[in-house]
Amino acid sequence: MKRYTIGQVCSILGVKPHVVRYWEQEIGMLSPTKNLAGRRTYSISDLQLLFRIKHLVQERRYTVGGAAQQIIDERSGLRADARARINSVRGELIVLLDRLRTHASESIASADSESIDGEATPPE
């Protein structure tokens, strides 16, 4: 299972590392594991939870505590099954986004390398 570093998570979410660490501290259900070097690593489910927190806090204007309560209510409510399916699809989309970004960076690096080597063919 793919794990994400805090830098990757911040890049995907568009927030700074201190924000993610604050959300971890304030919302008990978010607890990433640490690798052997002691660095945080996040699972897809952690990433999904962070996306939900970001949406509630930044777009819906919840407090962090209010966002935590909303998430608890969603997980225990009647819509929990639908929410679980949505989260599953969201997780798959996150993996695809990561793959696309990786592929795009590799393509750009390859194109840059070819143009430096002088082997690139000019566009027609």
Protein backbone atom coordinates (compact mmCIF):
# COMPACT_ATOMS: atom_id res chain seq x y z
CA MET A 1 0.00 0.00 0.00
CA LYS A 2 1.36 3.41 -1.00
CA ARG A 3 2.32 5.77 1.81
CA TYR A 4 2.76 9.51 1.38
CA THR A 5 5.23 11.81 3.11
CA ILE A 6 4.02 15.03 4.70
CA GLY A 7 5.55 16.96 1.79
CA GLN A 8 3.60 14.92 -0.74
CA VAL A 9 0.40 15.29 1.29
CA CYS A 10 0.87 19.05 1.50
CA SER A 11 1.48 19.25 -2.24
CA ILE A 12 -1.66 17.25 -2.99
CA LEU A 13 -3.82 19.21 -0.51
CA GLY A 14 -2.33 22.62 -1.22
CA VAL A 15 -1.62 23.40 2.45
CA LYS A 16 1.53 23.92 4.49
CA PRO A 17 2.99 21.20 6.76
CA HIS A 18 2.20 23.10 9.97
CA VAL A 19 -1.49 23.06 9.02
CA VAL A 20 -1.49 19.28 8.61
CA ARG A 21 0.36 18.84 11.90
CA TYR A 22 -2.16 21.14 13.64
CA TRP A 23 -5.08 19.13 12.26
CA GLU A 24 -3.39 15.93 13.50
CA GLN A 25 -3.03 17.42 16.95
CA GLU A 26 -6.61 18.69 17.14
CA ILE A 27 -8.42 15.78 15.48
CA GLY A 28 -7.71 12.54 17.29
CA MET A 29 -8.84 10.25 14.48
CA LEU A 30 -5.93 11.36 12.30
CA SER A 31 -2.73 9.64 13.31
CA PRO A 32 -0.21 8.86 10.58
CA THR A 33 2.42 6.23 11.17
CA LYS A 34 6.08 7.10 11.36
CA ASN A 35 8.74 5.40 9.28
CA LEU A 36 12.08 4.17 10.62
CA ALA A 37 13.51 7.68 10.31
CA GLY A 38 10.65 9.04 12.43
CA ARG A 39 8.94 10.86 9.56
CA ARG A 40 5.19 10.89 9.19
CA THR A 41 3.71 8.70 6.48
CA TYR A 42 0.08 8.88 5.44
CA SER A 43 -2.20 6.22 3.99
CA ILE A 44 -4.93 6.79 1.42
CA SER A 45 -7.52 6.83 4.22
CA ASP A 46 -5.46 9.50 6.05
CA LEU A 47 -5.38 11.53 2.84
CA GLN A 48 -9.14 11.18 2.39
CA LEU A 49 -9.71 12.37 5.94
CA LEU A 50 -7.40 15.34 5.37
CA PHE A 51 -9.32 16.26 2.18
CA ARG A 52 -12.56 16.17 4.18
CA ILE A 53 -11.08 18.28 6.98
CA LYS A 54 -9.75 20.81 4.47
CA HIS A 55 -13.15 21.05 2.78
CA LEU A 56 -14.99 21.56 6.07
CA VAL A 57 -12.51 24.05 7.50
CA GLN A 58 -11.60 26.11 4.44
CA GLU A 59 -14.70 25.91 2.25
CA ARG A 60 -17.56 25.31 4.68
CA ARG A 61 -15.91 27.52 7.37
CA TYR A 62 -16.14 25.00 10.23
CA THR A 63 -13.83 25.28 13.20
CA VAL A 64 -11.41 22.36 13.48
CA GLY A 65 -13.42 21.02 16.41
CA GLY A 66 -16.64 21.44 14.44
CA ALA A 67 -15.10 19.63 11.48
CA ALA A 68 -14.09 16.74 13.75
CA GLN A 69 -17.63 16.50 15.11
CA GLN A 70 -19.10 16.62 11.60
CA ILE A 71 -16.82 13.77 10.49
CA ILE A 72 -17.83 11.70 13.53
CA ASP A 73 -21.50 12.35 12.75
CA GLU A 74 -21.01 11.39 9.09
CA ARG A 75 -19.26 8.16 9.98
CA SER A 76 -21.93 7.08 12.43
CA GLY A 77 -24.97 8.36 10.54
CA LEU A 78 -27.34 6.79 8.05
CA ARG A 79 -25.23 8.03 5.17
CA ALA A 80 -22.15 6.16 6.36
CA ASP A 81 -22.44 3.54 3.61
CA ALA A 82 -22.70 6.15 0.86
CA ARG A 83 -19.86 8.13 2.41
CA ALA A 84 -17.71 4.99 2.51
CA ARG A 85 -18.30 4.44 -1.21
CA ILE A 86 -17.46 8.06 -1.97
CA ASN A 87 -14.28 7.79 0.09
CA SER A 88 -13.32 4.63 -1.78
CA VAL A 89 -13.67 6.39 -5.13
CA ARG A 90 -11.84 9.43 -3.77
CA GLY A 91 -8.96 7.17 -2.71
CA GLU A 92 -8.75 5.67 -6.18
CA LEU A 93 -8.72 9.18 -7.69
CA ILE A 94 -5.91 10.24 -5.36
CA VAL A 95 -3.81 7.27 -6.50
CA LEU A 96 -4.52 8.12 -10.15
CA LEU A 97 -3.60 11.78 -9.57
CA ASP A 98 -0.33 10.72 -8.00
CA ARG A 99 0.44 8.45 -10.96
CA LEU A 100 -0.39 11.22 -13.44
CA ARG A 101 1.87 13.69 -11.65
CA THR A 102 4.69 11.16 -11.55
CA HIS A 103 4.26 10.34 -15.24
CA ALA A 104 4.12 14.05 -16.16
CA SER A 105 7.32 14.82 -14.24
CA GLU A 106 9.09 11.87 -15.84
CA SER A 107 7.94 12.97 -19.30
CA ILE A 108 9.12 16.53 -18.70
CA ALA A 109 12.48 15.30 -17.37
CA SER A 110 12.87 13.03 -20.39
CA ALA A 111 12.01 15.84 -22.82
CA ASP A 112 14.45 18.18 -21.06
CA SER A 113 17.16 15.53 -21.22
CA GLU A 114 16.61 14.99 -24.94
CA SER A 115 16.74 18.69 -25.71
CA ILE A 116 19.97 19.07 -23.74
CA ASP A 117 21.54 16.14 -25.59
CA GLY A 118 20.52 17.68 -28.90
CA GLU A 119 18.66 14.58 -29.97
CA ALA A 120 15.20 16.08 -29.89
CA THR A 121 13.52 16.54 -33.22
CA PRO A 122 12.01 19.96 -33.87
CA PRO A 123 8.22 20.12 -34.10
CA GLU A 124 6.80 20.14 -37.61
